[in-house]
C-alpha atoms as a PDB file:
ATOM      1  CA  MET A   1      -6.579  -6.864  13.588  1.00  0.00           C
ATOM      2  CA  LYS A   2      -6.737  -4.464  10.645  1.00  0.00           C
ATOM      3  CA  LEU A   3      -4.473  -4.821   7.640  1.00  0.00           C
ATOM      4  CA  PHE A   4      -1.739  -2.186   7.328  1.00  0.00           C
ATOM      5  CA  ASP A   5      -2.285  -0.846  10.837  1.00  0.00           C
ATOM      6  CA  PRO A   6       1.103   0.532  11.931  1.00  0.00           C
ATOM      7  CA  ARG A   7       0.503  -0.801  15.463  1.00  0.00           C
ATOM      8  CA  ASN A   8       0.480  -4.412  14.217  1.00  0.00           C
ATOM      9  CA  HIS A   9       4.222  -4.897  14.519  1.00  0.00           C
ATOM     10  CA  HIS A  10       4.051  -4.135  18.254  1.00  0.00           C
ATOM     11  CA  LEU A  11       1.559  -6.905  19.128  1.00  0.00           C
ATOM     12  CA  SER A  12       4.161  -9.481  20.148  1.00  0.00           C
ATOM     13  CA  ALA A  13       7.825 -10.349  19.890  1.00  0.00           C
ATOM     14  CA  ARG A  14       6.991 -12.539  16.880  1.00  0.00           C
ATOM     15  CA  HIS A  15       5.279  -9.587  15.182  1.00  0.00           C
ATOM     16  CA  ARG A  16       8.349  -7.434  15.799  1.00  0.00           C
ATOM     17  CA  LYS A  17      10.556 -10.125  14.277  1.00  0.00           C
ATOM     18  CA  ILE A  18       8.300 -10.362  11.210  1.00  0.00           C
ATOM     19  CA  HIS A  19       8.417  -6.586  10.860  1.00  0.00           C
ATOM     20  CA  ALA A  20      12.209  -6.440  11.137  1.00  0.00           C
ATOM     21  CA  THR A  21      12.727  -9.262   8.637  1.00  0.00           C
ATOM     22  CA  THR A  22      10.348  -7.876   6.030  1.00  0.00           C
ATOM     23  CA  GLU A  23      11.709  -4.337   6.404  1.00  0.00           C
ATOM     24  CA  LEU A  24      15.210  -5.674   5.800  1.00  0.00           C
ATOM     25  CA  LEU A  25      14.009  -7.518   2.700  1.00  0.00           C
ATOM     26  CA  TYR A  26      12.037  -4.479   1.498  1.00  0.00           C
ATOM     27  CA  ASN A  27      15.065  -2.192   1.827  1.00  0.00           C
ATOM     28  CA  PHE A  28      17.363  -4.691   0.120  1.00  0.00           C
ATOM     29  CA  VAL A  29      14.974  -4.994  -2.850  1.00  0.00           C
ATOM     30  CA  ASP A  30      14.557  -1.205  -2.969  1.00  0.00           C
ATOM     31  CA  PHE A  31      18.327  -0.621  -2.983  1.00  0.00           C
ATOM     32  CA  LEU A  32      18.954  -3.318  -5.608  1.00  0.00           C
ATOM     33  CA  ALA A  33      16.225  -1.950  -7.891  1.00  0.00           C
ATOM     34  CA  ALA A  34      17.637   1.569  -7.646  1.00  0.00           C
ATOM     35  CA  LEU A  35      21.155   0.290  -8.317  1.00  0.00           C
ATOM     36  CA  LEU A  36      19.978  -1.562 -11.442  1.00  0.00           C
ATOM     37  CA  PHE A  37      18.247   1.586 -12.680  1.00  0.00           C
ATOM     38  CA  VAL A  38      21.412   3.673 -12.233  1.00  0.00           C
ATOM     39  CA  ILE A  39      23.590   1.072 -13.973  1.00  0.00           C
ATOM     40  CA  GLY A  40      20.978   0.735 -16.731  1.00  0.00           C
ATOM     41  CA  SER A  41      21.011   4.504 -17.188  1.00  0.00           C
ATOM     42  CA  VAL A  42      24.801   4.559 -17.550  1.00  0.00           C
ATOM     43  CA  LEU A  43      24.637   1.722 -20.081  1.00  0.00           C
ATOM     44  CA  PHE A  44      22.304   3.821 -22.220  1.00  0.00           C
ATOM     45  CA  PHE A  45      25.151   6.263 -22.925  1.00  0.00           C
ATOM     46  CA  SER A  46      26.657   3.775 -25.364  1.00  0.00           C
ATOM     47  CA  GLU A  47      24.672   2.219 -28.189  1.00  0.00           C
ATOM     48  CA  SER A  48      26.589  -1.048 -27.807  1.00  0.00           C
ATOM     49  CA  THR A  49      25.354  -1.515 -24.203  1.00  0.00           C
ATOM     50  CA  THR A  50      21.777  -0.292 -24.637  1.00  0.00           C
ATOM     51  CA  TYR A  51      20.438  -3.861 -24.847  1.00  0.00           C
ATOM     52  CA  LEU A  52      21.934  -4.773 -21.458  1.00  0.00           C
ATOM     53  CA  GLY A  53      20.699  -1.475 -20.018  1.00  0.00           C
ATOM     54  CA  THR A  54      17.175  -2.319 -21.158  1.00  0.00           C
ATOM     55  CA  TRP A  55      17.324  -5.655 -19.321  1.00  0.00           C
ATOM     56  CA  LEU A  56      18.564  -3.945 -16.152  1.00  0.00           C
ATOM     57  CA  PHE A  57      15.644  -1.492 -16.365  1.00  0.00           C
ATOM     58  CA  LEU A  58      13.235  -4.408 -16.704  1.00  0.00           C
ATOM     59  CA  ILE A  59      14.724  -6.299 -13.744  1.00  0.00           C
ATOM     60  CA  GLY A  60      14.715  -3.099 -11.672  1.00  0.00           C
ATOM     61  CA  SER A  61      11.062  -2.508 -12.559  1.00  0.00           C
ATOM     62  CA  ILE A  62      10.159  -6.042 -11.491  1.00  0.00           C
ATOM     63  CA  LEU A  63      11.993  -5.501  -8.205  1.00  0.00           C
ATOM     64  CA  PHE A  64      10.131  -2.233  -7.622  1.00  0.00           C
ATOM     65  CA  GLY A  65       6.929  -4.194  -8.242  1.00  0.00           C
ATOM     66  CA  THR A  66       7.809  -6.690  -5.528  1.00  0.00           C
ATOM     67  CA  ARG A  67       7.889  -4.002  -2.842  1.00  0.00           C
ATOM     68  CA  PRO A  68       4.115  -3.882  -2.260  1.00  0.00           C
ATOM     69  CA  THR A  69       4.099  -7.681  -2.387  1.00  0.00           C
ATOM     70  CA  ILE A  70       6.549  -7.772   0.522  1.00  0.00           C
ATOM     71  CA  LYS A  71       4.321  -5.424   2.535  1.00  0.00           C
ATOM     72  CA  LEU A  72       1.215  -7.532   1.805  1.00  0.00           C
ATOM     73  CA  TRP A  73       3.118 -10.727   2.703  1.00  0.00           C
ATOM     74  CA  ARG A  74       4.078  -9.113   6.038  1.00  0.00           C
ATOM     75  CA  GLU A  75       0.445  -8.297   6.778  1.00  0.00           C
ATOM     76  CA  LEU A  76      -0.625 -11.840   5.957  1.00  0.00           C
ATOM     77  CA  LEU A  77       2.065 -13.160   8.307  1.00  0.00           C
ATOM     78  CA  TYR A  78       0.683 -10.881  11.023  1.00  0.00           C
ATOM     79  CA  LEU A  79      -2.807 -12.267  10.450  1.00  0.00           C
ATOM     80  CA  ARG A  80      -1.489 -15.819  10.603  1.00  0.00           C
ATOM     81  CA  GLU A  81      -0.074 -15.092  14.052  1.00  0.00           C
ATOM     82  CA  GLY A  82      -3.622 -14.398  15.217  1.00  0.00           C
ATOM     83  CA  ILE A  83      -2.805 -12.180  18.196  1.00  0.00           C
ATOM     84  CA  ASP A  84      -5.710 -10.360  19.793  1.00  0.00           C
ATOM     85  CA  PRO A  85      -5.166  -6.646  19.020  1.00  0.00           C
ATOM     86  CA  ASP A  86      -6.651  -5.726  22.423  1.00  0.00           C
ATOM     87  CA  ALA A  87      -4.017  -7.769  24.283  1.00  0.00           C
ATOM     88  CA  PRO A  88      -1.128  -5.806  25.788  1.00  0.00           C
ATOM     89  CA  PRO A  89       2.105  -5.995  23.775  1.00  0.00           C
ATOM     90  CA  SER A  90       4.548  -8.664  24.829  1.00  0.00           C
ATOM     91  CA  GLN A  91       7.657  -7.499  26.633  1.00  0.00           C
ATOM     92  CA  ASP A  92       9.523 -10.694  25.677  1.00  0.00           C
ATOM     93  CA  THR A  93      12.434  -9.872  23.387  1.00  0.00           C
ATOM     94  CA  SER A  94      14.086 -13.284  23.430  1.00  0.00           C
ATOM     95  CA  ASP A  95      13.040 -14.247  19.903  1.00  0.00           C
ATOM     96  CA  LEU A  96      13.913 -10.981  18.151  1.00  0.00           C
ATOM     97  CA  ARG A  97      17.043 -12.491  16.628  1.00  0.00           C
ATOM     98  CA  LEU A  98      16.891 -12.803  12.838  1.00  0.00           C
ATOM     99  CA  ASN A  99      17.886 -16.444  12.512  1.00  0.00           C
END
């Protein structure tokens, strides 16, 4: 199995669940980071709230930095599953629920 191969999330039902969970987390972090940047930008309009705006920019930047970490974590989870990439994809969808 190659890292960051887009076919990896189709290898099994477990791989599809990992993909769905990490994509949900990735999008949540992405949205939250963008929201903090917008709020931080608005806070920069007033000198009295610039300090708070700076902190929101910093937190948003850290969140943007976690995005590639989430993708790498997903790939490591795929590797841990250890499915043979030459095996046909599983048709079992029973464990696709995000518990």
